[in-house]
Amino acid sequence: MHFDHVGNANDYATATWLVQRPEWAAMFGDQVPPSNAAAVRYSALRNAKTRILDGDYDVFGDGTVVIKSTPGHTPGHQSLFVRLARSGAVVLSGDLYHYAEERTLNRMPAREATEGRTAVSRANLDAFIKTASAQLWIQHDLVHWRELKKSPSFYD
């Protein structure tokens, strides 16, 4: 997995890990290259309490927190939908989008464009966002990030 996705993952080995099946396989399956330098950063997750997911997953069963399967950036990439009582519905894009222009201009990283999964995931998530009347928060987008509340302020 990408080094920037797994920074302190080993610190959470006692938590329940919700992971898509293709992501787990890319991290721990038979096809993982032995030279995977990032693996040391998440090795403790191999034995963590894990729930393997095969698609979208309603975390609490009430629609307030839903993991959305959005493969492309990685085999089991996920985005997160959260319905907040006062702030409304929000989708955290993860690495599905990096900048707002990727969405408005329909552009994506070259490797992801050739594989095609990102385009399908984006179309599916965009349809979901519309249906859910959700805001899309793109974590890598510095312009958007500057507009968001920071601690001690919060969204609820």
Protein backbone atom coordinates (compact mmCIF):
# COMPACT_ATOMS: atom_id res chain seq x y z
CA MET A 1 0.00 0.00 0.00
CA HIS A 2 1.02 3.58 -0.40
CA PHE A 3 3.27 4.86 2.37
CA ASP A 4 1.06 7.93 2.87
CA HIS A 5 -1.97 5.72 3.57
CA VAL A 6 -0.47 3.71 6.40
CA GLY A 7 1.52 6.20 8.53
CA ASN A 8 0.67 4.97 12.04
CA ALA A 9 -1.46 1.96 11.13
CA ASN A 10 0.37 -0.34 13.55
CA ASP A 11 -0.80 1.88 16.42
CA TYR A 12 -4.36 0.73 15.70
CA ALA A 13 -3.78 -3.01 15.69
CA THR A 14 -6.13 -3.45 18.67
CA ALA A 15 -9.04 -1.71 16.90
CA THR A 16 -11.45 -3.40 14.52
CA TRP A 17 -10.21 -2.82 10.98
CA LEU A 18 -12.84 -2.42 8.25
CA VAL A 19 -11.12 -3.17 4.95
CA GLN A 20 -12.18 -4.13 1.44
CA ARG A 21 -11.17 -7.66 0.39
CA PRO A 22 -8.99 -6.45 -2.55
CA GLU A 23 -7.15 -4.03 -0.24
CA TRP A 24 -6.39 -6.75 2.29
CA ALA A 25 -5.17 -9.02 -0.52
CA ALA A 26 -2.92 -6.26 -1.87
CA MET A 27 -1.43 -5.83 1.59
CA PHE A 28 -1.12 -9.42 2.78
CA GLY A 29 -1.99 -11.77 -0.09
CA ASP A 30 0.25 -14.13 -2.01
CA GLN A 31 0.99 -11.57 -4.74
CA VAL A 32 2.57 -8.93 -2.46
CA PRO A 33 6.12 -8.18 -3.63
CA PRO A 34 8.77 -8.95 -0.99
CA SER A 35 10.29 -5.51 -1.56
CA ASN A 36 7.18 -3.69 -0.28
CA ALA A 37 8.94 -1.13 1.95
CA ALA A 38 5.66 0.29 3.29
CA ALA A 39 4.66 -3.12 4.72
CA VAL A 40 6.56 -2.56 7.96
CA ARG A 41 4.24 0.39 8.67
CA TYR A 42 1.11 -1.79 8.71
CA SER A 43 2.40 -5.31 9.48
CA ALA A 44 0.56 -5.46 12.84
CA LEU A 45 -2.77 -5.25 11.01
CA ARG A 46 -2.30 -8.76 9.62
CA ASN A 47 -3.41 -10.16 12.99
CA ALA A 48 -5.81 -7.37 13.95
CA LYS A 49 -9.51 -7.95 14.47
CA THR A 50 -10.65 -7.46 10.89
CA ARG A 51 -13.95 -7.22 9.07
CA ILE A 52 -13.37 -7.97 5.39
CA LEU A 53 -15.79 -5.98 3.23
CA ASP A 54 -17.09 -6.73 -0.25
CA GLY A 55 -18.48 -3.33 -1.18
CA ASP A 56 -20.32 -0.61 0.70
CA TYR A 57 -20.79 -1.09 4.45
CA ASP A 58 -23.19 0.68 6.82
CA VAL A 59 -21.03 0.86 9.95
CA PHE A 60 -23.80 1.33 12.53
CA GLY A 61 -26.72 -0.02 10.49
CA ASP A 62 -28.57 3.31 10.55
CA GLY A 63 -27.13 5.08 7.49
CA THR A 64 -25.20 7.68 9.49
CA VAL A 65 -21.74 6.31 8.66
CA VAL A 66 -21.26 4.34 5.46
CA ILE A 67 -18.02 3.11 3.96
CA LYS A 68 -18.27 3.48 0.19
CA SER A 69 -16.19 1.12 -1.92
CA THR A 70 -14.29 3.29 -4.43
CA PRO A 71 -11.53 1.16 -5.97
CA GLY A 72 -9.04 2.73 -8.34
CA HIS A 73 -6.38 4.61 -6.43
CA THR A 74 -5.73 1.31 -4.69
CA PRO A 75 -7.53 -2.02 -5.24
CA GLY A 76 -9.75 -1.58 -2.19
CA HIS A 77 -9.86 2.19 -1.82
CA GLN A 78 -12.72 3.47 0.33
CA SER A 79 -14.46 6.80 0.78
CA LEU A 80 -16.59 7.66 3.80
CA PHE A 81 -20.12 9.02 4.03
CA VAL A 82 -21.16 10.66 7.31
CA ARG A 83 -24.57 12.15 8.06
CA LEU A 84 -24.12 14.82 10.73
CA ALA A 85 -27.13 16.08 12.71
CA ARG A 86 -26.50 19.80 12.13
CA SER A 87 -23.93 20.00 9.34
CA GLY A 88 -25.68 17.51 7.08
CA ALA A 89 -24.29 14.83 4.81
CA VAL A 90 -20.58 14.77 3.98
CA VAL A 91 -18.49 12.43 1.84
CA LEU A 92 -14.76 12.25 2.57
CA SER A 93 -13.16 11.38 -0.76
CA GLY A 94 -9.92 9.85 0.44
CA ASP A 95 -7.72 9.63 -2.66
CA LEU A 96 -10.58 9.25 -5.13
CA TYR A 97 -10.10 12.94 -5.87
CA HIS A 98 -7.07 15.08 -5.06
CA TYR A 99 -8.28 18.46 -6.33
CA ALA A 100 -11.67 19.89 -7.25
CA GLU A 101 -10.46 20.34 -10.83
CA GLU A 102 -10.14 16.58 -11.22
CA ARG A 103 -13.88 16.47 -10.76
CA THR A 104 -14.93 19.52 -12.78
CA LEU A 105 -12.55 18.75 -15.67
CA ASN A 106 -13.02 14.97 -15.43
CA ARG A 107 -9.29 14.31 -15.03
CA MET A 108 -7.44 11.69 -13.08
CA PRO A 109 -3.91 10.39 -12.58
CA ALA A 110 -2.64 8.56 -15.68
CA ARG A 111 -2.25 5.13 -14.05
CA GLU A 112 -5.77 5.29 -12.67
CA ALA A 113 -7.20 6.46 -16.00
CA THR A 114 -5.77 3.48 -17.86
CA GLU A 115 -7.13 0.96 -15.37
CA GLY A 116 -10.63 2.42 -15.54
CA ARG A 117 -11.72 1.58 -11.99
CA THR A 118 -11.34 5.15 -10.75
CA ALA A 119 -13.69 6.51 -13.42
CA VAL A 120 -16.38 3.99 -12.44
CA SER A 121 -15.89 4.71 -8.73
CA ARG A 122 -16.11 8.45 -9.34
CA ALA A 123 -19.31 8.09 -11.35
CA ASN A 124 -20.85 5.88 -8.67
CA LEU A 125 -19.83 8.18 -5.82
CA ASP A 126 -20.98 11.31 -7.67
CA ALA A 127 -24.40 9.71 -8.18
CA PHE A 128 -24.52 8.81 -4.49
CA ILE A 129 -23.52 12.36 -3.49
CA LYS A 130 -26.35 13.75 -5.58
CA THR A 131 -28.92 11.31 -4.18
CA ALA A 132 -27.76 11.91 -0.59
CA SER A 133 -27.51 15.70 -1.07
CA ALA A 134 -24.03 15.44 0.41
CA GLN A 135 -21.05 17.77 0.38
CA LEU A 136 -17.83 16.33 -1.06
CA TRP A 137 -14.75 17.03 1.02
CA ILE A 138 -11.50 16.44 -0.87
CA GLN A 139 -8.80 16.04 1.76
CA HIS A 140 -5.87 16.75 -0.57
CA ASP A 141 -7.40 19.95 -1.95
CA LEU A 142 -5.59 22.75 -0.11
CA VAL A 143 -8.05 25.39 -1.33
CA HIS A 144 -10.97 23.43 0.13
CA TRP A 145 -9.01 22.55 3.27
CA ARG A 146 -8.48 26.23 4.05
CA GLU A 147 -12.25 26.76 4.06
CA LEU A 148 -12.98 24.01 6.60
CA LYS A 149 -13.25 24.50 10.35
CA LYS A 150 -10.20 23.54 12.37
CA SER A 151 -9.95 22.43 15.98
CA PRO A 152 -11.25 23.52 18.42
CA SER A 153 -14.15 24.30 16.06
CA PHE A 154 -16.04 21.27 14.76
CA TYR A 155 -18.83 19.96 12.61
CA ASP A 156 -21.76 18.22 14.25
